[in-house]
Amino acid sequence: QASALDVPLVGVPMHRGTTEPYVDRIRRGIDLIASSLAEGTNLTLAFGDLHLGHIKEWRDAALGADLKYALEYPCWKTPYEDLLQDLERS
């Protein structure tokens, strides 16, 4: 997806064995991206969550509130059939 959009991809390791909290690791990745943007550029985080409300609620609380970025869920509650048709058309 990043390649198709011609944007850089930043990987954030999710492995166990570190005492650094997940949100802090995400923050470092976002800080890296933000440092390459022009002053005043708004940063939005997009997620592919479909229907797991507890995951979306956690993201909203932990990432939206703590990191103070806009969060987008473009596929949220989209029926699987609609997603499949869109994939086949593309």
C-alpha atoms as a PDB file:
ATOM      1  CA  GLN A   1       0.000   0.000   0.000  1.00  0.00           C
ATOM      2  CA  ALA A   2       2.769   2.419   0.861  1.00  0.00           C
ATOM      3  CA  SER A   3       4.439   1.731  -2.470  1.00  0.00           C
ATOM      4  CA  ALA A   4       1.191   2.259  -4.384  1.00  0.00           C
ATOM      5  CA  LEU A   5       0.697   5.592  -2.618  1.00  0.00           C
ATOM      6  CA  ASP A   6       4.375   6.517  -3.079  1.00  0.00           C
ATOM      7  CA  VAL A   7       4.846   7.178   0.637  1.00  0.00           C
ATOM      8  CA  PRO A   8       7.602   5.868   2.905  1.00  0.00           C
ATOM      9  CA  LEU A   9       6.870   2.934   5.178  1.00  0.00           C
ATOM     10  CA  VAL A  10       8.039   2.991   8.785  1.00  0.00           C
ATOM     11  CA  GLY A  11       8.048  -0.325  10.625  1.00  0.00           C
ATOM     12  CA  VAL A  12       7.456  -0.358  14.378  1.00  0.00           C
ATOM     13  CA  PRO A  13       8.621  -3.602  16.037  1.00  0.00           C
ATOM     14  CA  MET A  14       5.919  -5.315  18.067  1.00  0.00           C
ATOM     15  CA  HIS A  15       8.068  -8.113  19.480  1.00  0.00           C
ATOM     16  CA  ARG A  16       8.067  -9.064  23.119  1.00  0.00           C
ATOM     17  CA  GLY A  17      11.175  -8.888  25.233  1.00  0.00           C
ATOM     18  CA  THR A  18      11.240  -5.148  25.701  1.00  0.00           C
ATOM     19  CA  THR A  19      10.032  -3.088  28.612  1.00  0.00           C
ATOM     20  CA  GLU A  20       9.224  -0.143  26.347  1.00  0.00           C
ATOM     21  CA  PRO A  21       5.428   0.274  26.207  1.00  0.00           C
ATOM     22  CA  TYR A  22       3.697  -0.245  22.858  1.00  0.00           C
ATOM     23  CA  VAL A  23       2.422   3.338  22.722  1.00  0.00           C
ATOM     24  CA  ASP A  24       5.957   4.657  23.269  1.00  0.00           C
ATOM     25  CA  ARG A  25       7.205   2.562  20.330  1.00  0.00           C
ATOM     26  CA  ILE A  26       4.377   3.901  18.172  1.00  0.00           C
ATOM     27  CA  ARG A  27       5.204   7.446  19.322  1.00  0.00           C
ATOM     28  CA  ARG A  28       8.842   7.047  18.217  1.00  0.00           C
ATOM     29  CA  GLY A  29       7.731   5.868  14.767  1.00  0.00           C
ATOM     30  CA  ILE A  30       5.292   8.756  14.409  1.00  0.00           C
ATOM     31  CA  ASP A  31       7.903  11.234  15.626  1.00  0.00           C
ATOM     32  CA  LEU A  32      10.216   9.973  12.893  1.00  0.00           C
ATOM     33  CA  ILE A  33       7.529  10.571  10.274  1.00  0.00           C
ATOM     34  CA  ALA A  34       6.518  13.947  11.714  1.00  0.00           C
ATOM     35  CA  SER A  35      10.125  15.164  11.708  1.00  0.00           C
ATOM     36  CA  SER A  36      10.204  14.806   7.925  1.00  0.00           C
ATOM     37  CA  LEU A  37       7.012  16.816   7.347  1.00  0.00           C
ATOM     38  CA  ALA A  38       6.718  20.532   6.771  1.00  0.00           C
ATOM     39  CA  GLU A  39       5.910  22.675   9.803  1.00  0.00           C
ATOM     40  CA  GLY A  40       2.169  22.763  10.510  1.00  0.00           C
ATOM     41  CA  THR A  41       1.376  19.595   8.536  1.00  0.00           C
ATOM     42  CA  ASN A  42      -1.472  17.630  10.091  1.00  0.00           C
ATOM     43  CA  LEU A  43      -0.793  13.944  10.624  1.00  0.00           C
ATOM     44  CA  THR A  44      -3.620  11.398  10.534  1.00  0.00           C
ATOM     45  CA  LEU A  45      -3.256   7.739  11.476  1.00  0.00           C
ATOM     46  CA  ALA A  46      -5.338   5.285   9.433  1.00  0.00           C
ATOM     47  CA  PHE A  47      -6.261   1.767  10.549  1.00  0.00           C
ATOM     48  CA  GLY A  48      -7.869  -1.117   8.695  1.00  0.00           C
ATOM     49  CA  ASP A  49     -10.055  -2.278  11.577  1.00  0.00           C
ATOM     50  CA  LEU A  50     -13.362  -3.695  10.413  1.00  0.00           C
ATOM     51  CA  HIS A  51     -15.512  -4.507  13.414  1.00  0.00           C
ATOM     52  CA  LEU A  52     -13.629  -5.191  16.669  1.00  0.00           C
ATOM     53  CA  GLY A  53     -15.015  -2.431  18.861  1.00  0.00           C
ATOM     54  CA  HIS A  54     -12.701  -3.037  21.791  1.00  0.00           C
ATOM     55  CA  ILE A  55      -9.641  -2.620  19.554  1.00  0.00           C
ATOM     56  CA  LYS A  56     -11.011   0.604  18.066  1.00  0.00           C
ATOM     57  CA  GLU A  57     -11.841   1.933  21.545  1.00  0.00           C
ATOM     58  CA  TRP A  58      -8.311   1.155  22.728  1.00  0.00           C
ATOM     59  CA  ARG A  59      -6.774   2.866  19.693  1.00  0.00           C
ATOM     60  CA  ASP A  60      -8.989   5.918  20.222  1.00  0.00           C
ATOM     61  CA  ALA A  61      -7.986   6.152  23.891  1.00  0.00           C
ATOM     62  CA  ALA A  62      -4.314   5.159  23.698  1.00  0.00           C
ATOM     63  CA  LEU A  63      -3.326   6.653  20.357  1.00  0.00           C
ATOM     64  CA  GLY A  64      -5.881   9.372  19.679  1.00  0.00           C
ATOM     65  CA  ALA A  65      -5.830  10.881  23.160  1.00  0.00           C
ATOM     66  CA  ASP A  66      -2.226  10.191  24.185  1.00  0.00           C
ATOM     67  CA  LEU A  67      -0.604  11.041  20.879  1.00  0.00           C
ATOM     68  CA  LYS A  68      -3.141  13.708  19.907  1.00  0.00           C
ATOM     69  CA  TYR A  69      -3.410  12.708  16.249  1.00  0.00           C
ATOM     70  CA  ALA A  70      -6.544  12.298  14.187  1.00  0.00           C
ATOM     71  CA  LEU A  71      -7.485   8.645  13.698  1.00  0.00           C
ATOM     72  CA  GLU A  72      -9.290   7.321  10.638  1.00  0.00           C
ATOM     73  CA  TYR A  73     -10.992   3.961  10.144  1.00  0.00           C
ATOM     74  CA  PRO A  74     -11.956   3.924   6.444  1.00  0.00           C
ATOM     75  CA  CYS A  75     -13.112   0.284   6.502  1.00  0.00           C
ATOM     76  CA  TRP A  76     -14.976   0.429   9.829  1.00  0.00           C
ATOM     77  CA  LYS A  77     -18.187  -1.628   9.715  1.00  0.00           C
ATOM     78  CA  THR A  78     -17.928  -2.048   5.945  1.00  0.00           C
ATOM     79  CA  PRO A  79     -19.564  -5.367   4.977  1.00  0.00           C
ATOM     80  CA  TYR A  80     -17.136  -8.046   3.780  1.00  0.00           C
ATOM     81  CA  GLU A  81     -19.016  -8.347   0.488  1.00  0.00           C
ATOM     82  CA  ASP A  82     -18.470  -4.635  -0.233  1.00  0.00           C
ATOM     83  CA  LEU A  83     -14.767  -4.975   0.540  1.00  0.00           C
ATOM     84  CA  LEU A  84     -14.477  -8.032  -1.699  1.00  0.00           C
ATOM     85  CA  GLN A  85     -16.215  -6.255  -4.590  1.00  0.00           C
ATOM     86  CA  ASP A  86     -13.962  -3.244  -4.172  1.00  0.00           C
ATOM     87  CA  LEU A  87     -10.893  -5.505  -4.162  1.00  0.00           C
ATOM     88  CA  GLU A  88     -12.046  -7.317  -7.300  1.00  0.00           C
ATOM     89  CA  ARG A  89     -12.687  -3.982  -9.103  1.00  0.00           C
ATOM     90  CA  SER A  90      -9.234  -2.731  -8.259  1.00  0.00           C
END
